[in-house]
Amino acid sequence: MFPKSVRWWLIVLTVALHACGDQDRGAFSDQSAASAQSASQPAAADRPLIDEREYSNRGDAALPDASEAAAVTHRQIELDGRTLRYTATTGHLTAAVDSGKRASMFYVAYTVDDRARSKRPVTFLFNGGPVTASVWLHLGSWGPKRIAAEARGTNALRPTLIDSDDSLLDQSDLVFVDAVGTGYSQAIAPSVNRDFWGVDQDAAAFHGFILRYIEVNRREASPIYLYGESYGGIRAAVLANLLATSGATLGGVVLNSPILNFNTACDLGAPDCTGFIPSYAAVSTHHRVSNKPDAMPAADYARQAGRFAVDIYRPALLDYLRRGAAPSAALLADLAGYTGIAPAEWARHLNMTPDLYVTRVRPGYVIDINDGRNSAPAGSDWQDPYRDALEAGIHALLPDFLGYRARSAYSMVAGDAWTWEHDGLPLPDAIPDLASALAQSPGMQVVALNGYHDLNCPFLQTELELERVGYAHRVRSHTFAGGHMTYLTEASRQPMRQALRDLYRQAGDRS
């Protein structure tokens, strides 16, 4: 979920990631690149690519024509005591949509060499924004390389790019895809980038890309998995429905800290903020201002707050909103206990939004809405602790590890407008799309991964939305210590990976 529309759009542009210029590659540490390259004995020669094209994240930008050139490198990685050799392919494929519009979409694909590809899963990963590059997932989550930097309360300094010993490459081939206008993805004339900046237009572009990838790489028999983060949850649900309708074999959808329905986002004026209460409790517990008993695990306390939110807070809140009924002293005391915010403050702001919560929970400090554990004194020069690491990382990885050298800078974000309408609603609700995909794809599973400390897309709101889907035996939710980019919390990576391995294993058991 996001702050109010205009301000949210500015936050995406300034906090999520800035469009970047040239970077000082020498400032980025890669401890494993030299050893990996020297140890690797590729089955085929690497094929680097120098891309002379000019790319832009402007809404009116377009390429004059299509090119599907790609760089190819061969690498290896150690996973669970075994050596996996893989091929990295970096370049563009042309996504054609039913409207006749076309886009050249930039991707990085990691495919294992020594396994039959015909039935091996292939997972397409993308971030949100809605117009943010896939660099967060690419260098933060489950690819063969990732940043190793866990920031908590301070800026991350000189993070390191390492081999990821918990990559998902042993479970699935991985394809990281950038939305049109980000990375090096761009519309093809006469279309322009802005033509793809809308819920349906964006999903159609990703649909066209996936169909093209499957065709070019002969992956028709491979089960398809989608992995979307934040707004990528809506994209994944809409895209899953498009793929299912076109007859693709869907194995699963992963929703990492998703927003699924903008119509229930309390920070956009929706009816109530029930879904945020347990996340407030988790963040307040981290800052030692809640009433969590010493012997109770923090996760159990957050879950207790969730039950309170649904069973006690929400009925009272709706009564207050509909009839103006004053909240009871007991309710206000409970809210104060869970959050450390005074009862009088709750009486004034019973339907407390996350924007207001972060100004009240720890006066004099700035609280990170993406990960409420991060804070800094108000007025200090605090910024997102991972931004510089990711910017430096992608600019080092592309030429040095993937063999792709571009003339233009890699665009982290884009978008000067977005068409939000979907399915007859002014704001998107992707739950019907997800339910339709499940109905059409009997083997498809859905897994949601959330962080307890995420004040952007809170875990309880995800669970409340997924209850509407049905198919309870095929839809599972997991919550871990961490924020919006849950995988950046080192202690949560192994349990997250296990949940994802279970997803792939269960699909294999059904095949």
Protein backbone atom coordinates (compact mmCIF):
# COMPACT_ATOMS: atom_id res chain seq x y z
CA MET A 1 0.00 0.00 0.00
CA PHE A 2 1.06 3.52 -0.55
CA PRO A 3 0.57 7.05 0.74
CA LYS A 4 -1.90 9.39 -0.93
CA SER A 5 -1.68 9.34 -4.70
CA VAL A 6 0.42 12.39 -5.55
CA ARG A 7 2.73 12.12 -2.57
CA TRP A 8 3.04 8.37 -3.07
CA TRP A 9 4.16 8.91 -6.65
CA LEU A 10 6.84 11.31 -5.42
CA ILE A 11 7.95 8.80 -2.78
CA VAL A 12 8.35 6.14 -5.47
CA LEU A 13 10.50 8.52 -7.48
CA THR A 14 12.65 9.73 -4.59
CA VAL A 15 12.78 6.90 -2.06
CA ALA A 16 12.31 3.67 -3.97
CA LEU A 17 15.13 4.36 -6.41
CA HIS A 18 16.31 7.32 -8.45
CA ALA A 19 17.01 7.16 -12.16
CA CYS A 20 20.77 6.96 -12.11
CA GLY A 21 23.65 8.46 -14.00
CA ASP A 22 27.14 7.08 -14.41
CA GLN A 23 28.40 5.27 -11.32
CA ASP A 24 31.88 4.80 -9.89
CA ARG A 25 32.19 1.06 -10.42
CA GLY A 26 35.42 1.02 -8.48
CA ALA A 27 33.56 1.85 -5.27
CA PHE A 28 31.64 -1.40 -5.37
CA SER A 29 33.14 -4.51 -3.80
CA ASP A 30 32.63 -7.89 -5.51
CA GLN A 31 34.46 -10.52 -3.50
CA SER A 32 33.42 -13.45 -5.65
CA ALA A 33 33.58 -12.30 -9.26
CA ALA A 34 37.23 -13.12 -9.88
CA SER A 35 37.14 -16.52 -8.22
CA ALA A 36 33.90 -17.50 -9.91
CA GLN A 37 35.19 -16.55 -13.32
CA SER A 38 38.53 -18.26 -12.89
CA ALA A 39 37.01 -21.45 -11.50
CA SER A 40 34.32 -21.65 -14.16
CA GLN A 41 35.02 -23.78 -17.22
CA PRO A 42 32.21 -22.76 -19.56
CA ALA A 43 30.74 -25.28 -21.94
CA ALA A 44 30.63 -22.59 -24.62
CA ALA A 45 32.33 -19.29 -25.26
CA ASP A 46 30.98 -16.17 -23.65
CA ARG A 47 29.42 -13.66 -26.01
CA PRO A 48 29.58 -10.08 -24.72
CA LEU A 49 27.44 -7.30 -26.14
CA ILE A 50 28.02 -3.57 -26.50
CA ASP A 51 24.63 -1.91 -26.81
CA GLU A 52 24.97 1.44 -28.58
CA ARG A 53 21.28 2.31 -28.40
CA GLU A 54 20.01 5.29 -26.46
CA TYR A 55 17.43 4.42 -23.79
CA SER A 56 15.26 6.80 -21.82
CA ASN A 57 12.70 6.60 -19.02
CA ARG A 58 10.72 9.56 -20.41
CA GLY A 59 7.07 8.97 -21.14
CA ASP A 60 7.43 10.01 -24.79
CA ALA A 61 10.56 7.93 -25.49
CA ALA A 62 10.66 5.16 -28.09
CA LEU A 63 13.17 3.04 -29.95
CA PRO A 64 13.10 3.29 -33.75
CA ASP A 65 13.01 -0.48 -34.24
CA ALA A 66 13.35 -3.81 -32.47
CA SER A 67 16.50 -5.74 -31.62
CA GLU A 68 16.72 -9.05 -29.78
CA ALA A 69 20.49 -9.10 -29.34
CA ALA A 70 21.79 -10.52 -26.06
CA ALA A 71 25.01 -11.02 -24.13
CA VAL A 72 25.72 -14.57 -22.99
CA THR A 73 28.06 -15.64 -20.20
CA HIS A 74 28.69 -18.98 -18.49
CA ARG A 75 29.14 -19.24 -14.74
CA GLN A 76 28.88 -21.66 -11.84
CA ILE A 77 27.66 -21.49 -8.24
CA GLU A 78 27.79 -23.71 -5.17
CA LEU A 79 24.36 -24.49 -3.71
CA ASP A 80 23.88 -26.92 -0.85
CA GLY A 81 27.26 -28.53 -1.52
CA ARG A 82 26.69 -29.01 -5.24
CA THR A 83 28.12 -27.12 -8.18
CA LEU A 84 25.59 -25.76 -10.66
CA ARG A 85 26.75 -24.49 -14.02
CA TYR A 86 24.46 -21.93 -15.56
CA THR A 87 24.14 -19.57 -18.50
CA ALA A 88 23.29 -15.90 -18.05
CA THR A 89 21.54 -14.22 -20.98
CA THR A 90 21.15 -10.43 -20.89
CA GLY A 91 19.33 -8.46 -23.55
CA HIS A 92 15.97 -7.70 -25.10
CA LEU A 93 12.94 -9.50 -26.45
CA THR A 94 10.07 -7.86 -28.29
CA ALA A 95 6.74 -7.90 -26.50
CA ALA A 96 3.78 -7.55 -28.85
CA VAL A 97 0.33 -6.83 -27.45
CA ASP A 98 -3.12 -7.25 -28.98
CA SER A 99 -3.44 -3.51 -29.58
CA GLY A 100 -0.56 -3.71 -32.05
CA LYS A 101 1.81 -1.84 -29.77
CA ARG A 102 5.28 -3.24 -29.20
CA ALA A 103 7.97 -2.83 -26.56
CA SER A 104 11.59 -3.97 -26.35
CA MET A 105 11.81 -5.45 -22.86
CA PHE A 106 15.10 -5.87 -21.06
CA TYR A 107 15.76 -9.04 -19.09
CA VAL A 108 18.44 -11.12 -17.42
CA ALA A 109 17.85 -14.88 -17.52
CA TYR A 110 19.78 -17.45 -15.49
CA THR A 111 19.32 -21.00 -16.80
CA VAL A 112 20.97 -24.14 -15.44
CA ASP A 113 23.09 -25.96 -18.03
CA ASP A 114 23.14 -29.58 -16.93
CA ARG A 115 19.42 -30.26 -16.61
CA ALA A 116 16.75 -30.99 -19.18
CA ARG A 117 15.04 -27.71 -19.90
CA SER A 118 11.84 -29.06 -21.37
CA LYS A 119 10.04 -29.40 -18.02
CA ARG A 120 12.25 -27.36 -15.73
CA PRO A 121 10.33 -24.51 -14.07
CA VAL A 122 11.00 -20.97 -15.24
CA THR A 123 10.22 -18.08 -12.89
CA PHE A 124 9.68 -14.51 -14.08
CA LEU A 125 10.48 -11.92 -11.40
CA PHE A 126 9.55 -8.24 -11.36
CA ASN A 127 9.26 -5.40 -8.89
CA GLY A 128 6.46 -2.90 -8.42
CA GLY A 129 6.47 0.87 -8.33
CA PRO A 130 4.38 0.46 -10.54
CA VAL A 131 7.28 1.55 -12.77
CA THR A 132 10.34 0.34 -10.90
CA ALA A 133 13.13 -1.80 -12.34
CA SER A 134 13.63 -5.39 -11.17
CA VAL A 135 16.95 -4.53 -9.52
CA TRP A 136 15.55 -4.99 -6.00
CA LEU A 137 14.67 -8.61 -6.64
CA HIS A 138 17.59 -9.18 -8.98
CA LEU A 139 20.30 -8.14 -6.52
CA GLY A 140 18.39 -8.59 -3.28
CA SER A 141 16.50 -11.85 -3.46
CA TRP A 142 17.20 -15.19 -5.12
CA GLY A 143 19.48 -14.69 -8.10
CA PRO A 144 23.02 -16.10 -8.19
CA LYS A 145 24.47 -12.74 -7.10
CA ARG A 146 23.15 -10.47 -4.35
CA ILE A 147 24.14 -7.62 -2.12
CA ALA A 148 25.18 -8.54 1.42
CA ALA A 149 24.17 -5.56 3.51
CA GLU A 150 21.67 -5.53 6.34
CA ALA A 151 20.99 -1.95 7.36
CA ARG A 152 19.23 -1.21 10.61
CA GLY A 153 18.92 2.39 11.69
CA THR A 154 21.90 3.64 9.68
CA ASN A 155 22.89 3.94 6.06
CA ALA A 156 24.55 0.90 4.53
CA LEU A 157 28.21 1.58 3.72
CA ARG A 158 30.18 -0.24 1.01
CA PRO A 159 27.95 -3.30 0.76
CA THR A 160 29.37 -6.31 -1.01
CA LEU A 161 28.17 -8.24 -4.05
CA ILE A 162 28.48 -11.95 -3.28
CA ASP A 163 27.61 -15.36 -4.64
CA SER A 164 24.20 -16.20 -3.23
CA ASP A 165 24.45 -19.57 -1.50
CA ASP A 166 20.67 -19.57 -1.03
CA SER A 167 19.70 -18.79 -4.62
CA LEU A 168 16.62 -20.48 -6.06
CA LEU A 169 18.51 -21.44 -9.19
CA ASP A 170 18.55 -25.06 -8.05
CA GLN A 171 14.73 -25.03 -8.13
CA SER A 172 13.95 -22.97 -11.21
CA ASP A 173 15.47 -20.97 -14.00
CA LEU A 174 15.15 -17.27 -13.13
CA VAL A 175 14.25 -14.42 -15.49
CA PHE A 176 14.33 -10.86 -14.13
CA VAL A 177 12.26 -8.49 -16.27
CA ASP A 178 12.16 -4.68 -16.27
CA ALA A 179 8.92 -2.78 -16.85
CA VAL A 180 8.76 -0.50 -19.88
CA GLY A 181 10.70 2.68 -19.17
CA THR A 182 12.92 1.06 -16.53
CA GLY A 183 16.23 -0.70 -16.87
CA TYR A 184 16.73 -0.75 -20.62
CA SER A 185 13.12 -1.57 -21.50
CA GLN A 186 11.54 0.83 -23.95
CA ALA A 187 8.60 1.15 -26.31
CA ILE A 188 9.13 0.62 -30.04
CA ALA A 189 7.90 3.42 -32.31
CA PRO A 190 5.25 4.44 -33.07
CA SER A 191 4.42 3.41 -29.49
CA VAL A 192 5.95 5.39 -26.61
CA ASN A 193 6.75 4.33 -23.05
CA ARG A 194 3.65 6.02 -21.67
CA ASP A 195 1.45 3.71 -23.75
CA PHE A 196 2.39 0.88 -21.38
CA TRP A 197 1.91 2.77 -18.12
CA GLY A 198 -1.38 1.42 -16.88
CA VAL A 199 -2.65 -1.66 -15.06
CA ASP A 200 -3.88 -3.45 -18.18
CA GLN A 201 -1.31 -2.01 -20.59
CA ASP A 202 1.58 -3.02 -18.32
CA ALA A 203 0.26 -6.55 -17.80
CA ALA A 204 -0.21 -6.94 -21.55
CA ALA A 205 3.44 -6.01 -22.14
CA PHE A 206 4.66 -8.59 -19.61
CA HIS A 207 2.30 -11.16 -21.14
CA GLY A 208 3.78 -10.48 -24.57
CA PHE A 209 7.31 -10.74 -23.20
CA ILE A 210 6.68 -14.10 -21.51
CA LEU A 211 5.06 -15.57 -24.61
CA ARG A 212 8.05 -14.42 -26.67
CA TYR A 213 10.56 -15.80 -24.17
CA ILE A 214 8.83 -19.18 -24.18
CA GLU A 215 8.77 -19.23 -27.98
CA VAL A 216 12.41 -18.21 -28.49
CA ASN A 217 13.73 -20.60 -25.84
CA ARG A 218 11.36 -23.50 -26.57
CA ARG A 219 10.01 -23.60 -23.04
CA GLU A 220 6.43 -24.54 -23.90
CA ALA A 221 6.53 -27.56 -21.56
CA SER A 222 8.04 -25.67 -18.63
CA PRO A 223 5.69 -24.68 -15.80
CA ILE A 224 5.61 -20.91 -15.44
CA TYR A 225 6.00 -19.16 -12.10
CA LEU A 226 5.46 -15.46 -11.48
CA TYR A 227 7.18 -13.58 -8.65
CA GLY A 228 5.91 -10.06 -8.02
CA GLU A 229 6.77 -7.62 -5.26
CA SER A 230 4.66 -4.69 -3.99
CA TYR A 231 2.65 -3.40 -6.99
CA GLY A 232 4.10 -6.48 -8.67
CA GLY A 233 1.41 -8.36 -6.72
CA ILE A 234 -1.29 -6.73 -8.83
CA ARG A 235 0.79 -7.24 -11.96
CA ALA A 236 1.32 -10.92 -11.10
CA ALA A 237 -2.38 -11.55 -10.49
CA VAL A 238 -3.53 -9.81 -13.68
CA LEU A 239 -0.72 -11.44 -15.66
CA ALA A 240 -1.52 -14.90 -14.27
CA ASN A 241 -5.08 -14.53 -15.51
CA LEU A 242 -3.85 -13.47 -18.96
CA LEU A 243 -1.46 -16.41 -19.15
CA ALA A 244 -4.04 -18.91 -17.94
CA THR A 245 -6.55 -17.62 -20.48
CA SER A 246 -3.97 -18.03 -23.26
CA GLY A 247 -3.37 -21.66 -22.25
CA ALA A 248 0.00 -21.37 -20.52
CA THR A 249 0.95 -23.90 -17.84
CA LEU A 250 1.08 -22.03 -14.54
CA GLY A 251 2.89 -23.65 -11.63
CA GLY A 252 2.57 -20.86 -9.11
CA VAL A 253 2.46 -17.19 -8.18
CA VAL A 254 4.65 -15.68 -5.46
CA LEU A 255 3.41 -12.45 -3.90
CA ASN A 256 6.23 -10.75 -2.00
CA SER A 257 4.89 -7.92 0.19
CA PRO A 258 2.08 -7.35 -2.29
CA ILE A 259 -0.66 -4.86 -2.67
CA LEU A 260 -3.61 -6.65 -4.24
CA ASN A 261 -6.46 -4.17 -3.93
CA PHE A 262 -6.08 -0.40 -3.94
CA ASN A 263 -9.71 -0.02 -2.92
CA THR A 264 -8.99 -1.25 0.61
CA ALA A 265 -5.80 0.76 1.14
CA CYS A 266 -6.47 2.91 4.19
CA ASP A 267 -3.75 5.34 3.17
CA LEU A 268 -5.80 6.03 0.03
CA GLY A 269 -8.97 6.81 1.98
CA ALA A 270 -10.43 3.29 2.17
CA PRO A 271 -12.84 2.36 4.99
CA ASP A 272 -10.48 1.22 7.73
CA CYS A 273 -6.89 0.56 8.73
CA THR A 274 -7.47 -2.79 10.44
CA GLY A 275 -4.81 -4.46 8.32
CA PHE A 276 -2.10 -2.19 9.71
CA ILE A 277 -2.64 -2.73 13.44
CA PRO A 278 -0.41 -5.83 13.89
CA SER A 279 2.35 -4.19 11.85
CA TYR A 280 2.15 -1.18 14.15
CA ALA A 281 2.49 -3.58 17.08
CA ALA A 282 5.53 -5.27 15.51
CA VAL A 283 7.30 -1.98 14.82
CA SER A 284 6.44 -0.58 18.26
CA THR A 285 7.79 -3.76 19.82
CA HIS A 286 11.05 -3.32 17.94
CA HIS A 287 11.35 0.22 19.31
CA ARG A 288 10.51 -1.05 22.82
CA VAL A 289 7.37 1.02 23.30
CA SER A 290 4.72 -1.73 23.19
CA ASN A 291 3.49 -3.78 26.13
CA LYS A 292 4.73 -7.10 24.77
CA PRO A 293 5.41 -9.50 27.65
CA ASP A 294 9.09 -10.34 27.91
CA ALA A 295 8.46 -14.06 27.53
CA MET A 296 6.29 -13.75 24.42
CA PRO A 297 8.00 -14.01 21.01
CA ALA A 298 7.59 -10.86 18.94
CA ALA A 299 5.88 -12.78 16.14
CA ASP A 300 3.30 -14.20 18.56
CA TYR A 301 2.62 -10.72 19.88
CA ALA A 302 2.04 -9.40 16.36
CA ARG A 303 -0.34 -12.28 15.70
CA GLN A 304 -2.18 -11.52 18.92
CA ALA A 305 -2.50 -7.92 17.75
CA GLY A 306 -3.91 -9.20 14.48
CA ARG A 307 -6.66 -11.13 16.26
CA PHE A 308 -7.43 -8.05 18.33
CA ALA A 309 -7.58 -5.94 15.17
CA VAL A 310 -10.07 -8.21 13.41
CA ASP A 311 -12.23 -9.24 16.37
CA ILE A 312 -12.32 -6.08 18.52
CA TYR A 313 -10.83 -3.05 16.79
CA ARG A 314 -12.55 -3.36 13.41
CA PRO A 315 -16.15 -3.66 14.72
CA ALA A 316 -15.58 -0.67 17.00
CA LEU A 317 -13.92 1.33 14.23
CA LEU A 318 -16.75 0.68 11.78
CA ASP A 319 -19.26 1.68 14.45
CA TYR A 320 -17.29 4.88 14.96
CA LEU A 321 -17.06 5.62 11.24
CA ARG A 322 -20.72 4.89 10.50
CA ARG A 323 -22.46 6.25 13.58
CA GLY A 324 -19.87 8.32 15.35
CA ALA A 325 -19.89 5.96 18.34
CA ALA A 326 -17.11 6.89 20.75
CA PRO A 327 -14.49 4.17 21.29
CA SER A 328 -14.39 2.60 24.72
CA ALA A 329 -11.63 3.36 27.19
CA ALA A 330 -10.70 -0.33 27.12
CA LEU A 331 -10.23 -0.27 23.34
CA LEU A 332 -8.06 2.83 23.52
CA ALA A 333 -5.98 1.29 26.29
CA ASP A 334 -5.43 -1.85 24.20
CA LEU A 335 -4.36 0.22 21.20
CA ALA A 336 -1.97 2.17 23.40
CA GLY A 337 -0.54 -1.07 24.76
CA TYR A 338 0.10 -2.53 21.33
CA THR A 339 1.61 0.63 19.87
CA GLY A 340 2.98 2.81 22.66
CA ILE A 341 0.86 5.69 21.38
CA ALA A 342 -1.23 7.41 24.05
CA PRO A 343 -4.97 6.63 24.36
CA ALA A 344 -5.79 10.31 23.82
CA GLU A 345 -3.97 10.21 20.47
CA TRP A 346 -5.93 7.11 19.44
CA ALA A 347 -9.17 8.82 20.50
CA ARG A 348 -8.37 11.65 18.08
CA HIS A 349 -7.16 9.35 15.29
CA LEU A 350 -8.93 6.03 15.74
CA ASN A 351 -8.49 5.17 12.05
CA MET A 352 -4.75 5.83 12.19
CA THR A 353 -2.94 5.71 8.84
CA PRO A 354 0.70 4.59 8.58
CA ASP A 355 1.78 8.12 7.67
CA LEU A 356 0.40 9.33 10.99
CA TYR A 357 1.62 6.33 12.98
CA VAL A 358 5.27 6.89 12.01
CA THR A 359 5.11 10.45 13.35
CA ARG A 360 3.64 9.37 16.69
CA VAL A 361 5.39 6.13 17.61
CA ARG A 362 8.81 7.65 18.22
CA PRO A 363 8.63 11.45 18.37
CA GLY A 364 11.75 13.16 17.10
CA TYR A 365 12.65 10.33 14.73
CA VAL A 366 12.02 9.46 11.11
CA ILE A 367 10.65 5.93 10.73
CA ASP A 368 11.14 4.04 7.46
CA ILE A 369 7.73 3.09 6.08
CA ASN A 370 9.27 0.21 4.12
CA ASP A 371 10.92 -1.24 7.22
CA GLY A 372 9.75 0.28 10.48
CA ARG A 373 12.83 -1.01 12.30
CA ASN A 374 14.93 1.60 10.48
CA SER A 375 14.91 5.04 12.06
CA ALA A 376 17.01 8.18 12.30
CA PRO A 377 16.76 11.48 14.19
CA ALA A 378 14.38 13.90 12.52
CA GLY A 379 16.26 16.37 10.35
CA SER A 380 19.22 14.03 9.80
CA ASP A 381 20.47 13.15 6.35
CA TRP A 382 18.78 9.75 6.29
CA GLN A 383 18.04 7.94 3.05
CA ASP A 384 17.09 4.48 1.93
CA PRO A 385 20.01 2.32 3.09
CA TYR A 386 20.04 0.05 0.02
CA ARG A 387 19.65 2.49 -2.84
CA ASP A 388 23.33 3.22 -3.40
CA ALA A 389 24.20 -0.46 -3.09
CA LEU A 390 21.72 -1.46 -5.75
CA GLU A 391 22.69 1.34 -8.11
CA ALA A 392 26.36 0.49 -7.84
CA GLY A 393 25.64 -3.22 -7.96
CA ILE A 394 23.67 -3.27 -11.19
CA HIS A 395 26.20 -1.01 -12.91
CA ALA A 396 28.98 -3.42 -11.93
CA LEU A 397 27.09 -6.64 -12.60
CA LEU A 398 25.91 -5.87 -16.12
CA PRO A 399 29.30 -5.26 -17.78
CA ASP A 400 31.63 -7.18 -15.50
CA PHE A 401 29.66 -10.35 -14.78
CA LEU A 402 27.01 -10.47 -17.51
CA GLY A 403 29.01 -9.05 -20.41
CA TYR A 404 26.43 -6.38 -21.28
CA ARG A 405 27.75 -2.85 -21.77
CA ALA A 406 25.28 -0.10 -22.54
CA ARG A 407 25.79 3.44 -23.71
CA SER A 408 22.88 4.66 -21.59
CA ALA A 409 22.42 4.59 -17.84
CA TYR A 410 20.20 1.92 -16.32
CA SER A 411 16.90 3.57 -15.29
CA MET A 412 15.82 2.57 -11.80
CA VAL A 413 12.37 4.17 -12.01
CA ALA A 414 10.12 5.80 -14.57
CA GLY A 415 6.59 7.03 -14.91
CA ASP A 416 5.04 10.49 -15.09
CA ALA A 417 1.49 9.11 -15.24
CA TRP A 418 -0.33 5.84 -14.68
CA THR A 419 -3.74 4.58 -15.77
CA TRP A 420 -5.19 2.95 -12.66
CA GLU A 421 -8.54 1.76 -14.02
CA HIS A 422 -9.03 -1.99 -14.15
CA ASP A 423 -12.07 -4.18 -14.59
CA GLY A 424 -14.50 -1.28 -14.37
CA LEU A 425 -13.01 0.16 -11.17
CA PRO A 426 -11.11 3.45 -10.91
CA LEU A 427 -8.48 1.68 -8.78
CA PRO A 428 -7.41 -1.93 -9.33
CA ASP A 429 -8.62 -4.94 -7.37
CA ALA A 430 -6.65 -7.96 -8.60
CA ILE A 431 -8.28 -10.60 -6.40
CA PRO A 432 -10.82 -11.58 -9.11
CA ASP A 433 -7.92 -12.00 -11.56
CA LEU A 434 -6.09 -14.27 -9.14
CA ALA A 435 -9.21 -16.33 -8.50
CA SER A 436 -9.79 -16.68 -12.23
CA ALA A 437 -6.22 -17.86 -12.81
CA LEU A 438 -6.61 -20.47 -10.06
CA ALA A 439 -9.89 -21.66 -11.55
CA GLN A 440 -8.29 -22.12 -14.98
CA SER A 441 -5.05 -23.69 -13.69
CA PRO A 442 -5.70 -26.67 -11.39
CA GLY A 443 -1.99 -27.14 -10.68
CA MET A 444 -1.32 -23.53 -9.74
CA GLN A 445 -0.40 -22.55 -6.17
CA VAL A 446 -0.14 -19.11 -4.57
CA VAL A 447 2.37 -18.20 -1.86
CA ALA A 448 2.44 -14.82 -0.12
CA LEU A 449 5.59 -13.66 1.68
CA ASN A 450 5.36 -10.65 4.00
CA GLY A 451 7.43 -8.87 6.62
CA TYR A 452 6.13 -8.11 10.10
CA HIS A 453 7.74 -4.65 9.98
CA ASP A 454 6.40 -3.57 6.59
CA LEU A 455 4.31 -0.40 6.97
CA ASN A 456 3.83 -0.14 3.21
CA CYS A 457 2.01 -3.40 2.43
CA PRO A 458 1.14 -4.94 5.84
CA PHE A 459 0.90 -8.70 6.25
CA LEU A 460 -2.60 -8.80 7.73
CA GLN A 461 -4.03 -6.83 4.82
CA THR A 462 -2.53 -9.38 2.43
CA GLU A 463 -4.15 -12.20 4.40
CA LEU A 464 -7.53 -10.47 4.50
CA GLU A 465 -7.45 -9.98 0.73
CA LEU A 466 -6.41 -13.56 0.03
CA GLU A 467 -9.33 -14.86 2.07
CA ARG A 468 -11.53 -13.52 -0.73
CA VAL A 469 -9.84 -15.73 -3.32
CA GLY A 470 -11.10 -19.06 -2.04
CA TYR A 471 -9.02 -22.14 -2.86
CA ALA A 472 -7.66 -22.12 0.70
CA HIS A 473 -5.73 -25.37 0.13
CA ARG A 474 -3.83 -23.73 -2.74
CA VAL A 475 -3.15 -20.31 -1.21
CA ARG A 476 -0.66 -19.95 1.66
CA SER A 477 0.72 -16.96 3.54
CA HIS A 478 4.01 -16.73 5.42
CA THR A 479 5.27 -13.80 7.50
CA PHE A 480 8.87 -13.20 8.56
CA ALA A 481 10.94 -10.68 10.45
CA GLY A 482 11.65 -7.88 8.04
CA GLY A 483 10.22 -5.05 6.03
CA HIS A 484 8.89 -4.55 2.53
CA MET A 485 11.95 -6.19 0.94
CA THR A 486 11.78 -9.07 3.39
CA TYR A 487 14.67 -10.96 1.80
CA LEU A 488 17.06 -8.18 2.87
CA THR A 489 16.75 -9.43 6.46
CA GLU A 490 19.44 -12.11 6.61
CA ALA A 491 17.76 -14.14 9.37
CA SER A 492 14.62 -14.48 7.25
CA ARG A 493 16.26 -15.69 4.07
CA GLN A 494 16.47 -19.39 4.91
CA PRO A 495 12.85 -19.74 6.09
CA MET A 496 11.71 -17.76 3.05
CA ARG A 497 13.75 -19.97 0.78
CA GLN A 498 12.25 -23.06 2.39
CA ALA A 499 8.72 -21.78 1.75
CA LEU A 500 9.65 -21.24 -1.89
CA ARG A 501 11.34 -24.63 -2.22
CA ASP A 502 8.14 -26.17 -0.86
CA LEU A 503 6.20 -24.39 -3.59
CA TYR A 504 8.37 -25.85 -6.35
CA ARG A 505 8.43 -29.28 -4.72
CA GLN A 506 4.66 -29.45 -4.41
CA ALA A 507 4.31 -28.52 -8.06
CA GLY A 508 6.74 -31.32 -8.92
CA ASP A 509 4.75 -33.78 -6.84
CA ARG A 510 1.60 -32.92 -8.78
CA SER A 511 3.20 -33.25 -12.21
